[in-house]
Amino acid sequence: VLFARYGRTLRFGSNDELLGEKIWFQVHRLIACLTTVLTLLGFFFILVFATGGWVESDEQPEFTHSVLGGIIICCALLQAWMALFRCHPDGSFRFIFNWLHRLTGLLAFFLSVPTIFLIISEPGDNRAGMIVILSLWSVWVVLIVIILEIIRFCIQRSLSEEVDRKVSTELYDINGPPMMNSDIKDINNASVWNKCILALFLLHFIVSIALAIPLISLVWQ
């Protein structure tokens, strides 16, 4: 979800393509495929562990957890299905896919948080440790979203100012020389924001691994 929203403008040096497609599209597609596969794999592991049985409705909060988990799995399958049969980017119905794709992803993302907290709230030896780790994770996600939203706002404002300046130049100095200094400044600004976003994604990956390792160790104890 983070990369889908904030990774569109990413580039490595002066290159914004990878294997003939935009870097954003290639990475987004890879992450989406991995997410769907791992979600289904986790679901099948649970089915095997539960020997194909479903939690009874009077078993709380396990039943609520199972229902929310089922919705998330449906969202993952729906995302994959929509991606396979999406219309052309210039198609007249593309906006329908865009909104459904976005809303389905957000629904799965927001449901995943209470789904995880419901299951770790069960009494156990490692309950406190898991709650601390997931609380830190939740705070970190909120923090990085706020930072990325600020960067996104700054990029949009910079682009808006660039358009206004170029329009003004065309109106009042039609035959004048190109604004080389301003163009260089725009390139430098874009490069700075690009590096900030790359650094944040790298930091997000490191934080995710750093929190996932102790969480997995607590689950397996």
C-alpha atoms as a PDB file:
ATOM      1  CA  VAL A   1       0.000   0.000   0.000  1.00  0.00           C
ATOM      2  CA  LEU A   2       2.822   2.401   0.870  1.00  0.00           C
ATOM      3  CA  PHE A   3       4.711   1.752  -2.348  1.00  0.00           C
ATOM      4  CA  ALA A   4       1.561   1.877  -4.463  1.00  0.00           C
ATOM      5  CA  ARG A   5       0.757   5.373  -3.203  1.00  0.00           C
ATOM      6  CA  TYR A   6       4.172   6.938  -2.702  1.00  0.00           C
ATOM      7  CA  GLY A   7       6.456   5.135  -5.155  1.00  0.00           C
ATOM      8  CA  ARG A   8       5.084   6.426  -8.460  1.00  0.00           C
ATOM      9  CA  THR A   9       7.784   9.069  -8.964  1.00  0.00           C
ATOM     10  CA  LEU A  10      10.732   6.869  -7.972  1.00  0.00           C
ATOM     11  CA  ARG A  11      13.740   6.612 -10.251  1.00  0.00           C
ATOM     12  CA  PHE A  12      17.291   5.314  -9.974  1.00  0.00           C
ATOM     13  CA  GLY A  13      19.542   8.059 -11.235  1.00  0.00           C
ATOM     14  CA  SER A  14      18.004   9.315 -14.465  1.00  0.00           C
ATOM     15  CA  ASN A  15      16.254   6.019 -15.185  1.00  0.00           C
ATOM     16  CA  ASP A  16      12.600   5.506 -14.266  1.00  0.00           C
ATOM     17  CA  GLU A  17      12.129   2.215 -16.150  1.00  0.00           C
ATOM     18  CA  LEU A  18      12.988  -1.404 -15.393  1.00  0.00           C
ATOM     19  CA  LEU A  19      12.741  -4.101 -18.075  1.00  0.00           C
ATOM     20  CA  GLY A  20      10.705  -1.839 -20.327  1.00  0.00           C
ATOM     21  CA  GLU A  21       8.171  -0.762 -17.674  1.00  0.00           C
ATOM     22  CA  LYS A  22       8.068   1.941 -15.031  1.00  0.00           C
ATOM     23  CA  ILE A  23      10.010   1.030 -11.888  1.00  0.00           C
ATOM     24  CA  TRP A  24       6.916   1.773  -9.810  1.00  0.00           C
ATOM     25  CA  PHE A  25       4.776  -0.646 -11.838  1.00  0.00           C
ATOM     26  CA  GLN A  26       7.327  -3.471 -11.769  1.00  0.00           C
ATOM     27  CA  VAL A  27       7.929  -3.252  -8.013  1.00  0.00           C
ATOM     28  CA  HIS A  28       4.237  -2.755  -7.249  1.00  0.00           C
ATOM     29  CA  ARG A  29       3.321  -5.818  -9.310  1.00  0.00           C
ATOM     30  CA  LEU A  30       6.004  -7.935  -7.607  1.00  0.00           C
ATOM     31  CA  ILE A  31       4.901  -6.877  -4.109  1.00  0.00           C
ATOM     32  CA  ALA A  32       1.225  -7.456  -4.973  1.00  0.00           C
ATOM     33  CA  CYS A  33       1.956 -10.979  -6.251  1.00  0.00           C
ATOM     34  CA  LEU A  34       4.050 -11.841  -3.195  1.00  0.00           C
ATOM     35  CA  THR A  35       1.355 -10.480  -0.872  1.00  0.00           C
ATOM     36  CA  THR A  36      -1.351 -12.597  -2.498  1.00  0.00           C
ATOM     37  CA  VAL A  37       0.772 -15.760  -2.518  1.00  0.00           C
ATOM     38  CA  LEU A  38       1.923 -15.360   1.102  1.00  0.00           C
ATOM     39  CA  THR A  39      -1.615 -14.543   2.295  1.00  0.00           C
ATOM     40  CA  LEU A  40      -2.995 -17.691   0.669  1.00  0.00           C
ATOM     41  CA  LEU A  41      -0.059 -19.733   1.953  1.00  0.00           C
ATOM     42  CA  GLY A  42      -0.718 -18.541   5.497  1.00  0.00           C
ATOM     43  CA  PHE A  43      -4.404 -19.406   5.112  1.00  0.00           C
ATOM     44  CA  PHE A  44      -3.602 -22.947   3.949  1.00  0.00           C
ATOM     45  CA  PHE A  45      -1.189 -23.429   6.854  1.00  0.00           C
ATOM     46  CA  ILE A  46      -3.978 -22.452   9.253  1.00  0.00           C
ATOM     47  CA  LEU A  47      -6.381 -24.890   7.567  1.00  0.00           C
ATOM     48  CA  VAL A  48      -3.844 -27.697   7.913  1.00  0.00           C
ATOM     49  CA  PHE A  49      -3.177 -26.827  11.561  1.00  0.00           C
ATOM     50  CA  ALA A  50      -6.931 -26.704  12.284  1.00  0.00           C
ATOM     51  CA  THR A  51      -7.487 -29.910  10.249  1.00  0.00           C
ATOM     52  CA  GLY A  52      -9.966 -28.098   8.020  1.00  0.00           C
ATOM     53  CA  GLY A  53     -12.231 -26.985  10.860  1.00  0.00           C
ATOM     54  CA  TRP A  54     -13.655 -23.507  11.439  1.00  0.00           C
ATOM     55  CA  VAL A  55     -13.821 -21.654  14.731  1.00  0.00           C
ATOM     56  CA  GLU A  56     -17.188 -21.758  16.500  1.00  0.00           C
ATOM     57  CA  SER A  57     -19.079 -18.473  16.809  1.00  0.00           C
ATOM     58  CA  ASP A  58     -19.016 -18.617  20.611  1.00  0.00           C
ATOM     59  CA  GLU A  59     -15.212 -18.777  20.661  1.00  0.00           C
ATOM     60  CA  GLN A  60     -14.189 -15.147  20.952  1.00  0.00           C
ATOM     61  CA  PRO A  61     -12.049 -13.382  19.846  1.00  0.00           C
ATOM     62  CA  GLU A  62     -10.917 -16.254  17.602  1.00  0.00           C
ATOM     63  CA  PHE A  63     -14.163 -16.243  15.615  1.00  0.00           C
ATOM     64  CA  THR A  64     -13.978 -12.498  14.912  1.00  0.00           C
ATOM     65  CA  HIS A  65     -10.346 -12.959  13.918  1.00  0.00           C
ATOM     66  CA  SER A  66     -11.311 -15.725  11.484  1.00  0.00           C
ATOM     67  CA  VAL A  67     -14.070 -13.628   9.887  1.00  0.00           C
ATOM     68  CA  LEU A  68     -11.804 -10.617   9.399  1.00  0.00           C
ATOM     69  CA  GLY A  69      -9.078 -12.896   8.077  1.00  0.00           C
ATOM     70  CA  GLY A  70     -11.519 -14.391   5.578  1.00  0.00           C
ATOM     71  CA  ILE A  71     -12.421 -10.907   4.337  1.00  0.00           C
ATOM     72  CA  ILE A  72      -8.731 -10.075   3.907  1.00  0.00           C
ATOM     73  CA  ILE A  73      -8.175 -13.268   1.900  1.00  0.00           C
ATOM     74  CA  CYS A  74     -11.134 -12.371  -0.332  1.00  0.00           C
ATOM     75  CA  CYS A  75      -9.615  -8.914  -0.841  1.00  0.00           C
ATOM     76  CA  ALA A  76      -6.283 -10.476  -1.843  1.00  0.00           C
ATOM     77  CA  LEU A  77      -7.970 -12.767  -4.372  1.00  0.00           C
ATOM     78  CA  LEU A  78     -10.100  -9.911  -5.709  1.00  0.00           C
ATOM     79  CA  GLN A  79      -7.018  -7.740  -6.163  1.00  0.00           C
ATOM     80  CA  ALA A  80      -5.282 -10.466  -8.158  1.00  0.00           C
ATOM     81  CA  TRP A  81      -8.369 -11.064 -10.289  1.00  0.00           C
ATOM     82  CA  MET A  82      -8.848  -7.352 -11.024  1.00  0.00           C
ATOM     83  CA  ALA A  83      -5.159  -6.928 -11.885  1.00  0.00           C
ATOM     84  CA  LEU A  84      -5.277  -9.814 -14.380  1.00  0.00           C
ATOM     85  CA  PHE A  85      -8.349  -8.450 -16.169  1.00  0.00           C
ATOM     86  CA  ARG A  86      -7.733  -4.709 -15.809  1.00  0.00           C
ATOM     87  CA  CYS A  87      -8.601  -2.524 -18.777  1.00  0.00           C
ATOM     88  CA  HIS A  88      -6.133  -0.405 -20.753  1.00  0.00           C
ATOM     89  CA  PRO A  89      -4.845   2.733 -18.949  1.00  0.00           C
ATOM     90  CA  ASP A  90      -6.614   4.875 -21.564  1.00  0.00           C
ATOM     91  CA  GLY A  91      -9.866   2.908 -21.381  1.00  0.00           C
ATOM     92  CA  SER A  92     -13.078   4.770 -20.548  1.00  0.00           C
ATOM     93  CA  PHE A  93     -13.769   2.453 -17.584  1.00  0.00           C
ATOM     94  CA  ARG A  94     -10.239   2.591 -16.171  1.00  0.00           C
ATOM     95  CA  PHE A  95     -11.344   4.848 -13.306  1.00  0.00           C
ATOM     96  CA  ILE A  96     -13.612   2.059 -12.027  1.00  0.00           C
ATOM     97  CA  PHE A  97     -10.657  -0.321 -11.784  1.00  0.00           C
ATOM     98  CA  ASN A  98      -8.503   2.378 -10.169  1.00  0.00           C
ATOM     99  CA  TRP A  99     -11.030   3.061  -7.418  1.00  0.00           C
ATOM    100  CA  LEU A 100     -11.874  -0.602  -6.781  1.00  0.00           C
ATOM    101  CA  HIS A 101      -8.180  -1.512  -6.747  1.00  0.00           C
ATOM    102  CA  ARG A 102      -7.418   1.301  -4.311  1.00  0.00           C
ATOM    103  CA  LEU A 103     -10.384   0.686  -1.987  1.00  0.00           C
ATOM    104  CA  THR A 104      -9.837  -3.091  -1.864  1.00  0.00           C
ATOM    105  CA  GLY A 105      -6.183  -2.634  -0.961  1.00  0.00           C
ATOM    106  CA  LEU A 106      -6.988  -0.101   1.749  1.00  0.00           C
ATOM    107  CA  LEU A 107      -9.733  -2.322   3.175  1.00  0.00           C
ATOM    108  CA  ALA A 108      -7.345  -5.273   3.472  1.00  0.00           C
ATOM    109  CA  PHE A 109      -4.668  -3.045   4.998  1.00  0.00           C
ATOM    110  CA  PHE A 110      -6.900  -1.488   7.650  1.00  0.00           C
ATOM    111  CA  LEU A 111      -8.557  -4.796   8.554  1.00  0.00           C
ATOM    112  CA  SER A 112      -5.193  -6.495   9.001  1.00  0.00           C
ATOM    113  CA  VAL A 113      -4.327  -4.387  12.058  1.00  0.00           C
ATOM    114  CA  PRO A 114      -7.300  -5.343  14.297  1.00  0.00           C
ATOM    115  CA  THR A 115      -7.152  -8.904  12.938  1.00  0.00           C
ATOM    116  CA  ILE A 116      -3.601  -9.355  14.224  1.00  0.00           C
ATOM    117  CA  PHE A 117      -4.239  -7.586  17.530  1.00  0.00           C
ATOM    118  CA  LEU A 118      -7.301  -9.768  18.174  1.00  0.00           C
ATOM    119  CA  ILE A 119      -5.315 -12.978  18.024  1.00  0.00           C
ATOM    120  CA  ILE A 120      -2.326 -11.787  20.068  1.00  0.00           C
ATOM    121  CA  SER A 121      -4.602 -10.429  22.796  1.00  0.00           C
ATOM    122  CA  GLU A 122      -5.232 -14.010  23.884  1.00  0.00           C
ATOM    123  CA  PRO A 123      -3.590 -14.839  27.239  1.00  0.00           C
ATOM    124  CA  GLY A 124      -0.138 -16.344  26.861  1.00  0.00           C
ATOM    125  CA  ASP A 125       3.451 -16.188  28.033  1.00  0.00           C
ATOM    126  CA  ASN A 126       4.555 -13.907  25.184  1.00  0.00           C
ATOM    127  CA  ARG A 127       1.397 -11.803  24.928  1.00  0.00           C
ATOM    128  CA  ALA A 128       2.965  -8.614  26.324  1.00  0.00           C
ATOM    129  CA  GLY A 129       5.990  -8.837  24.038  1.00  0.00           C
ATOM    130  CA  MET A 130       3.893  -9.334  20.912  1.00  0.00           C
ATOM    131  CA  ILE A 131       1.603  -6.437  21.815  1.00  0.00           C
ATOM    132  CA  VAL A 132       4.621  -4.167  22.294  1.00  0.00           C
ATOM    133  CA  ILE A 133       6.126  -5.175  18.938  1.00  0.00           C
ATOM    134  CA  LEU A 134       2.888  -4.699  17.009  1.00  0.00           C
ATOM    135  CA  SER A 135       2.206  -1.403  18.790  1.00  0.00           C
ATOM    136  CA  LEU A 136       5.640  -0.157  17.732  1.00  0.00           C
ATOM    137  CA  TRP A 137       4.887  -1.322  14.203  1.00  0.00           C
ATOM    138  CA  SER A 138       1.562   0.532  14.144  1.00  0.00           C
ATOM    139  CA  VAL A 139       3.164   3.742  15.417  1.00  0.00           C
ATOM    140  CA  TRP A 140       5.924   3.439  12.824  1.00  0.00           C
ATOM    141  CA  VAL A 141       3.430   2.966   9.965  1.00  0.00           C
ATOM    142  CA  VAL A 142       1.474   6.049  11.044  1.00  0.00           C
ATOM    143  CA  LEU A 143       4.708   8.043  11.309  1.00  0.00           C
ATOM    144  CA  ILE A 144       6.055   7.056   7.889  1.00  0.00           C
ATOM    145  CA  VAL A 145       2.673   7.725   6.251  1.00  0.00           C
ATOM    146  CA  ILE A 146       2.639  11.243   7.721  1.00  0.00           C
ATOM    147  CA  ILE A 147       6.195  11.903   6.494  1.00  0.00           C
ATOM    148  CA  LEU A 148       5.454  10.536   3.018  1.00  0.00           C
ATOM    149  CA  GLU A 149       2.253  12.583   2.803  1.00  0.00           C
ATOM    150  CA  ILE A 150       4.249  15.725   3.612  1.00  0.00           C
ATOM    151  CA  ILE A 151       6.778  14.856   0.901  1.00  0.00           C
ATOM    152  CA  ARG A 152       3.960  14.138  -1.551  1.00  0.00           C
ATOM    153  CA  PHE A 153       2.393  17.511  -0.780  1.00  0.00           C
ATOM    154  CA  CYS A 154       5.727  19.266  -1.308  1.00  0.00           C
ATOM    155  CA  ILE A 155       6.226  17.513  -4.661  1.00  0.00           C
ATOM    156  CA  GLN A 156       2.746  18.489  -5.842  1.00  0.00           C
ATOM    157  CA  ARG A 157       3.251  22.081  -4.738  1.00  0.00           C
ATOM    158  CA  SER A 158       6.618  22.194  -6.519  1.00  0.00           C
ATOM    159  CA  LEU A 159       5.041  20.859  -9.719  1.00  0.00           C
ATOM    160  CA  SER A 160       2.217  23.393  -9.464  1.00  0.00           C
ATOM    161  CA  GLU A 161       4.675  26.261  -9.042  1.00  0.00           C
ATOM    162  CA  GLU A 162       6.689  24.965 -12.011  1.00  0.00           C
ATOM    163  CA  VAL A 163       3.592  24.942 -14.242  1.00  0.00           C
ATOM    164  CA  ASP A 164       2.588  28.452 -13.132  1.00  0.00           C
ATOM    165  CA  ARG A 165       6.080  29.771 -13.784  1.00  0.00           C
ATOM    166  CA  LYS A 166       6.298  28.251 -17.250  1.00  0.00           C
ATOM    167  CA  VAL A 167       2.860  29.556 -18.201  1.00  0.00           C
ATOM    168  CA  SER A 168       3.855  33.016 -17.006  1.00  0.00           C
ATOM    169  CA  THR A 169       7.064  32.830 -19.047  1.00  0.00           C
ATOM    170  CA  GLU A 170       5.181  31.855 -22.201  1.00  0.00           C
ATOM    171  CA  LEU A 171       2.749  34.745 -21.739  1.00  0.00           C
ATOM    172  CA  TYR A 172       5.244  37.516 -21.127  1.00  0.00           C
ATOM    173  CA  ASP A 173       8.420  36.297 -22.832  1.00  0.00           C
ATOM    174  CA  ILE A 174       7.349  34.206 -25.801  1.00  0.00           C
ATOM    175  CA  ASN A 175      10.559  34.720 -27.779  1.00  0.00           C
ATOM    176  CA  GLY A 176      12.890  34.735 -24.781  1.00  0.00           C
ATOM    177  CA  PRO A 177      15.651  32.201 -24.042  1.00  0.00           C
ATOM    178  CA  PRO A 178      14.851  28.978 -22.162  1.00  0.00           C
ATOM    179  CA  MET A 179      14.962  29.127 -18.368  1.00  0.00           C
ATOM    180  CA  MET A 180      17.974  26.875 -17.929  1.00  0.00           C
ATOM    181  CA  ASN A 181      18.630  27.818 -14.290  1.00  0.00           C
ATOM    182  CA  SER A 182      15.020  27.128 -13.290  1.00  0.00           C
ATOM    183  CA  ASP A 183      15.010  23.808 -15.135  1.00  0.00           C
ATOM    184  CA  ILE A 184      18.197  22.729 -13.349  1.00  0.00           C
ATOM    185  CA  LYS A 185      16.668  23.747 -10.026  1.00  0.00           C
ATOM    186  CA  ASP A 186      13.543  21.692 -10.777  1.00  0.00           C
ATOM    187  CA  ILE A 187      15.683  18.645 -11.593  1.00  0.00           C
ATOM    188  CA  ASN A 188      17.667  19.061  -8.370  1.00  0.00           C
ATOM    189  CA  ASN A 189      14.477  19.400  -6.302  1.00  0.00           C
ATOM    190  CA  ALA A 190      13.014  16.257  -7.881  1.00  0.00           C
ATOM    191  CA  SER A 191      16.254  14.401  -7.176  1.00  0.00           C
ATOM    192  CA  VAL A 192      16.203  15.455  -3.516  1.00  0.00           C
ATOM    193  CA  TRP A 193      12.603  14.276  -3.021  1.00  0.00           C
ATOM    194  CA  ASN A 194      13.376  11.037  -4.865  1.00  0.00           C
ATOM    195  CA  LYS A 195      16.311  10.338  -2.537  1.00  0.00           C
ATOM    196  CA  CYS A 196      14.142  11.088   0.514  1.00  0.00           C
ATOM    197  CA  ILE A 197      11.479   8.622  -0.613  1.00  0.00           C
ATOM    198  CA  LEU A 198      14.072   5.944  -1.405  1.00  0.00           C
ATOM    199  CA  ALA A 199      15.685   6.435   2.011  1.00  0.00           C
ATOM    200  CA  LEU A 200      12.310   6.138   3.751  1.00  0.00           C
ATOM    201  CA  PHE A 201      11.430   2.940   1.885  1.00  0.00           C
ATOM    202  CA  LEU A 202      14.815   1.471   2.808  1.00  0.00           C
ATOM    203  CA  LEU A 203      14.328   2.493   6.440  1.00  0.00           C
ATOM    204  CA  HIS A 204      10.825   1.006   6.378  1.00  0.00           C
ATOM    205  CA  PHE A 205      12.259  -2.300   5.129  1.00  0.00           C
ATOM    206  CA  ILE A 206      14.886  -2.318   7.893  1.00  0.00           C
ATOM    207  CA  VAL A 207      12.318  -1.506  10.605  1.00  0.00           C
ATOM    208  CA  SER A 208       9.978  -4.203   9.257  1.00  0.00           C
ATOM    209  CA  ILE A 209      12.696  -6.864   9.403  1.00  0.00           C
ATOM    210  CA  ALA A 210      13.876  -5.671  12.826  1.00  0.00           C
ATOM    211  CA  LEU A 211      10.359  -6.042  14.259  1.00  0.00           C
ATOM    212  CA  ALA A 212       9.423  -9.200  12.338  1.00  0.00           C
ATOM    213  CA  ILE A 213      12.355 -11.269  13.639  1.00  0.00           C
ATOM    214  CA  PRO A 214      11.522 -10.959  17.374  1.00  0.00           C
ATOM    215  CA  LEU A 215       7.802 -11.318  16.625  1.00  0.00           C
ATOM    216  CA  ILE A 216       8.364 -14.601  14.779  1.00  0.00           C
ATOM    217  CA  SER A 217      10.612 -15.862  17.572  1.00  0.00           C
ATOM    218  CA  LEU A 218       7.906 -15.085  20.152  1.00  0.00           C
ATOM    219  CA  VAL A 219       5.233 -16.831  18.081  1.00  0.00           C
ATOM    220  CA  TRP A 220       7.324 -19.995  17.784  1.00  0.00           C
ATOM    221  CA  GLN A 221       8.176 -20.195  21.491  1.00  0.00           C
END
